[in-house]
Amino acid sequence: MLAVIAQAAAKGANFAQKAVASPAVRNGAALVATTVVGFATDIAGHSFKNRKPSGKSRRANRKLAIHLARQKGGLYSENTVVAGEARFVVWVDKVPLAAFPSLSESDGPLEERPELHDINQSLLLRPPSK
């Protein structure tokens, strides 16, 4: 995928260099180069969004879940699959309270997610003491 992006950017740059001779063509080349760069940025942004979370963000999400579970006197679960992604979920009275990373608006409310109904209670963990 990155090779396609690099190739498209190189072609756009070559075209822009050749087109510098004429002002009319220069304006058109600038538009093409801007379009190519925008396309490459969109593709790179898409692949960035779909990457696996880093260990650092995973640790931060776990820490948030543990702190919230302590704060609310609840439990938490690790690697709970919600909306196709492994998350840390905080539970209070067997009801999901929050997920880290959080759900997007399009995923709907956490309590209504079917994969969280009738969860195996043995998967819920007591937050470690400080």
C-alpha atoms as a PDB file:
ATOM      1  CA  MET A   1       0.000   0.000   0.000  1.00  0.00           C
ATOM      2  CA  LEU A   2       2.800   2.403   0.907  1.00  0.00           C
ATOM      3  CA  ALA A   3       4.586   1.579  -2.337  1.00  0.00           C
ATOM      4  CA  VAL A   4       1.499   2.698  -4.279  1.00  0.00           C
ATOM      5  CA  ILE A   5       1.405   5.948  -2.312  1.00  0.00           C
ATOM      6  CA  ALA A   6       5.109   6.609  -2.914  1.00  0.00           C
ATOM      7  CA  GLN A   7       4.741   5.830  -6.614  1.00  0.00           C
ATOM      8  CA  ALA A   8       1.748   8.157  -6.963  1.00  0.00           C
ATOM      9  CA  ALA A   9       3.582  10.943  -5.130  1.00  0.00           C
ATOM     10  CA  ALA A  10       6.670  10.494  -7.329  1.00  0.00           C
ATOM     11  CA  LYS A  11       4.571  10.652 -10.501  1.00  0.00           C
ATOM     12  CA  GLY A  12       2.842  13.771  -9.243  1.00  0.00           C
ATOM     13  CA  ALA A  13       6.187  15.394  -8.438  1.00  0.00           C
ATOM     14  CA  ASN A  14       7.635  14.534 -11.880  1.00  0.00           C
ATOM     15  CA  PHE A  15       4.559  15.927 -13.597  1.00  0.00           C
ATOM     16  CA  ALA A  16       4.743  19.122 -11.540  1.00  0.00           C
ATOM     17  CA  GLN A  17       8.441  19.639 -12.391  1.00  0.00           C
ATOM     18  CA  LYS A  18       7.782  19.273 -16.131  1.00  0.00           C
ATOM     19  CA  ALA A  19       4.794  21.586 -15.998  1.00  0.00           C
ATOM     20  CA  VAL A  20       6.628  24.531 -14.435  1.00  0.00           C
ATOM     21  CA  ALA A  21       7.467  25.922 -17.894  1.00  0.00           C
ATOM     22  CA  SER A  22       4.002  27.421 -18.521  1.00  0.00           C
ATOM     23  CA  PRO A  23       1.925  29.477 -16.015  1.00  0.00           C
ATOM     24  CA  ALA A  24      -1.318  27.870 -17.191  1.00  0.00           C
ATOM     25  CA  VAL A  25       0.146  24.396 -16.893  1.00  0.00           C
ATOM     26  CA  ARG A  26       1.796  25.346 -13.586  1.00  0.00           C
ATOM     27  CA  ASN A  27      -1.622  26.072 -12.062  1.00  0.00           C
ATOM     28  CA  GLY A  28      -2.976  22.759 -13.342  1.00  0.00           C
ATOM     29  CA  ALA A  29       0.078  20.910 -12.026  1.00  0.00           C
ATOM     30  CA  ALA A  30      -0.370  22.471  -8.621  1.00  0.00           C
ATOM     31  CA  LEU A  31      -3.957  21.206  -8.570  1.00  0.00           C
ATOM     32  CA  VAL A  32      -2.856  17.699  -9.580  1.00  0.00           C
ATOM     33  CA  ALA A  33      -0.051  17.676  -7.008  1.00  0.00           C
ATOM     34  CA  THR A  34      -2.446  18.843  -4.301  1.00  0.00           C
ATOM     35  CA  THR A  35      -4.903  16.103  -5.273  1.00  0.00           C
ATOM     36  CA  VAL A  36      -2.208  13.416  -5.216  1.00  0.00           C
ATOM     37  CA  VAL A  37      -0.919  14.572  -1.841  1.00  0.00           C
ATOM     38  CA  GLY A  38      -4.479  14.680  -0.498  1.00  0.00           C
ATOM     39  CA  PHE A  39      -5.109  11.161  -1.791  1.00  0.00           C
ATOM     40  CA  ALA A  40      -1.891   9.859  -0.224  1.00  0.00           C
ATOM     41  CA  THR A  41      -2.744  11.557   3.072  1.00  0.00           C
ATOM     42  CA  ASP A  42      -6.238  10.010   3.069  1.00  0.00           C
ATOM     43  CA  ILE A  43      -4.801   6.529   2.529  1.00  0.00           C
ATOM     44  CA  ALA A  44      -2.113   7.009   5.174  1.00  0.00           C
ATOM     45  CA  GLY A  45      -4.711   8.384   7.602  1.00  0.00           C
ATOM     46  CA  HIS A  46      -6.977   5.394   6.977  1.00  0.00           C
ATOM     47  CA  SER A  47      -4.202   2.906   7.666  1.00  0.00           C
ATOM     48  CA  PHE A  48      -3.214   4.908  10.760  1.00  0.00           C
ATOM     49  CA  LYS A  49      -6.752   4.633  12.148  1.00  0.00           C
ATOM     50  CA  ASN A  50      -6.821   0.868  11.581  1.00  0.00           C
ATOM     51  CA  ARG A  51      -3.522   0.126  13.268  1.00  0.00           C
ATOM     52  CA  LYS A  52      -3.299  -1.889  16.465  1.00  0.00           C
ATOM     53  CA  PRO A  53      -3.028   0.260  19.607  1.00  0.00           C
ATOM     54  CA  SER A  54       0.490   0.654  20.976  1.00  0.00           C
ATOM     55  CA  GLY A  55       1.513  -0.948  24.231  1.00  0.00           C
ATOM     56  CA  LYS A  56       1.622   2.493  25.816  1.00  0.00           C
ATOM     57  CA  SER A  57      -2.015   3.302  24.961  1.00  0.00           C
ATOM     58  CA  ARG A  58      -3.041  -0.190  26.061  1.00  0.00           C
ATOM     59  CA  ARG A  59      -1.406   0.362  29.444  1.00  0.00           C
ATOM     60  CA  ALA A  60      -3.066   3.762  29.736  1.00  0.00           C
ATOM     61  CA  ASN A  61      -6.494   2.238  28.940  1.00  0.00           C
ATOM     62  CA  ARG A  62      -5.950  -0.521  31.507  1.00  0.00           C
ATOM     63  CA  LYS A  63      -4.941   2.034  34.114  1.00  0.00           C
ATOM     64  CA  LEU A  64      -8.069   4.113  33.440  1.00  0.00           C
ATOM     65  CA  ALA A  65     -10.298   1.045  33.750  1.00  0.00           C
ATOM     66  CA  ILE A  66      -8.682   0.012  37.035  1.00  0.00           C
ATOM     67  CA  HIS A  67      -8.976   3.508  38.511  1.00  0.00           C
ATOM     68  CA  LEU A  68     -12.629   3.829  37.488  1.00  0.00           C
ATOM     69  CA  ALA A  69     -13.443   0.361  38.853  1.00  0.00           C
ATOM     70  CA  ARG A  70     -11.859   1.332  42.181  1.00  0.00           C
ATOM     71  CA  GLN A  71     -13.674   4.663  42.191  1.00  0.00           C
ATOM     72  CA  LYS A  72     -17.076   3.067  41.575  1.00  0.00           C
ATOM     73  CA  GLY A  73     -16.500  -0.041  43.679  1.00  0.00           C
ATOM     74  CA  GLY A  74     -16.863  -2.242  40.612  1.00  0.00           C
ATOM     75  CA  LEU A  75     -14.951  -4.802  38.596  1.00  0.00           C
ATOM     76  CA  TYR A  76     -13.227  -4.692  35.222  1.00  0.00           C
ATOM     77  CA  SER A  77     -12.573  -7.105  32.385  1.00  0.00           C
ATOM     78  CA  GLU A  78      -9.578  -7.298  30.083  1.00  0.00           C
ATOM     79  CA  ASN A  79      -9.600  -8.064  26.349  1.00  0.00           C
ATOM     80  CA  THR A  80     -13.384  -7.945  26.198  1.00  0.00           C
ATOM     81  CA  VAL A  81     -14.382  -7.829  22.530  1.00  0.00           C
ATOM     82  CA  VAL A  82     -16.797  -4.968  21.920  1.00  0.00           C
ATOM     83  CA  ALA A  83     -17.547  -3.680  18.414  1.00  0.00           C
ATOM     84  CA  GLY A  84     -14.784  -5.844  16.976  1.00  0.00           C
ATOM     85  CA  GLU A  85     -12.017  -4.523  19.232  1.00  0.00           C
ATOM     86  CA  ALA A  86     -10.474  -5.793  22.478  1.00  0.00           C
ATOM     87  CA  ARG A  87     -11.232  -3.338  25.280  1.00  0.00           C
ATOM     88  CA  PHE A  88     -11.084  -2.935  29.027  1.00  0.00           C
ATOM     89  CA  VAL A  89     -14.643  -2.735  30.362  1.00  0.00           C
ATOM     90  CA  VAL A  90     -15.638  -1.459  33.810  1.00  0.00           C
ATOM     91  CA  TRP A  91     -18.617  -3.223  35.420  1.00  0.00           C
ATOM     92  CA  VAL A  92     -20.799  -2.033  38.315  1.00  0.00           C
ATOM     93  CA  ASP A  93     -23.551  -4.374  39.552  1.00  0.00           C
ATOM     94  CA  LYS A  94     -23.025  -6.641  36.507  1.00  0.00           C
ATOM     95  CA  VAL A  95     -23.778  -3.720  34.144  1.00  0.00           C
ATOM     96  CA  PRO A  96     -21.078  -2.284  31.843  1.00  0.00           C
ATOM     97  CA  LEU A  97     -20.273   1.284  32.842  1.00  0.00           C
ATOM     98  CA  ALA A  98     -17.396   2.279  30.539  1.00  0.00           C
ATOM     99  CA  ALA A  99     -15.012   0.849  27.967  1.00  0.00           C
ATOM    100  CA  PHE A 100     -11.414   1.830  27.234  1.00  0.00           C
ATOM    101  CA  PRO A 101     -10.819   2.661  24.445  1.00  0.00           C
ATOM    102  CA  SER A 102     -14.281   4.169  24.345  1.00  0.00           C
ATOM    103  CA  LEU A 103     -16.887   3.327  21.727  1.00  0.00           C
ATOM    104  CA  SER A 104     -17.665   5.689  18.871  1.00  0.00           C
ATOM    105  CA  GLU A 105     -21.099   7.286  18.620  1.00  0.00           C
ATOM    106  CA  SER A 106     -22.031   4.950  15.757  1.00  0.00           C
ATOM    107  CA  ASP A 107     -21.428   1.878  17.945  1.00  0.00           C
ATOM    108  CA  GLY A 108     -24.323   2.846  20.203  1.00  0.00           C
ATOM    109  CA  PRO A 109     -24.555   2.751  23.995  1.00  0.00           C
ATOM    110  CA  LEU A 110     -22.301   0.305  25.815  1.00  0.00           C
ATOM    111  CA  GLU A 111     -25.197  -1.225  27.778  1.00  0.00           C
ATOM    112  CA  GLU A 112     -26.968  -2.208  24.541  1.00  0.00           C
ATOM    113  CA  ARG A 113     -24.032  -4.068  22.983  1.00  0.00           C
ATOM    114  CA  PRO A 114     -25.134  -7.721  22.496  1.00  0.00           C
ATOM    115  CA  GLU A 115     -21.653  -9.128  23.142  1.00  0.00           C
ATOM    116  CA  LEU A 116     -21.823  -7.794  26.730  1.00  0.00           C
ATOM    117  CA  HIS A 117     -25.131  -9.447  27.626  1.00  0.00           C
ATOM    118  CA  ASP A 118     -24.784 -12.489  29.892  1.00  0.00           C
ATOM    119  CA  ILE A 119     -21.000 -12.156  30.150  1.00  0.00           C
ATOM    120  CA  ASN A 120     -19.175 -14.917  31.980  1.00  0.00           C
ATOM    121  CA  GLN A 121     -18.766 -13.518  35.510  1.00  0.00           C
ATOM    122  CA  SER A 122     -15.474 -15.380  36.011  1.00  0.00           C
ATOM    123  CA  LEU A 123     -13.904 -12.964  33.493  1.00  0.00           C
ATOM    124  CA  LEU A 124     -14.544  -9.971  35.744  1.00  0.00           C
ATOM    125  CA  LEU A 125     -11.543  -8.933  37.816  1.00  0.00           C
ATOM    126  CA  ARG A 126     -11.279  -7.075  41.075  1.00  0.00           C
ATOM    127  CA  PRO A 127      -8.978  -4.049  40.615  1.00  0.00           C
ATOM    128  CA  PRO A 128      -5.623  -4.565  42.310  1.00  0.00           C
ATOM    129  CA  SER A 129      -5.021  -2.648  45.508  1.00  0.00           C
ATOM    130  CA  LYS A 130      -2.686   0.303  45.244  1.00  0.00           C
END
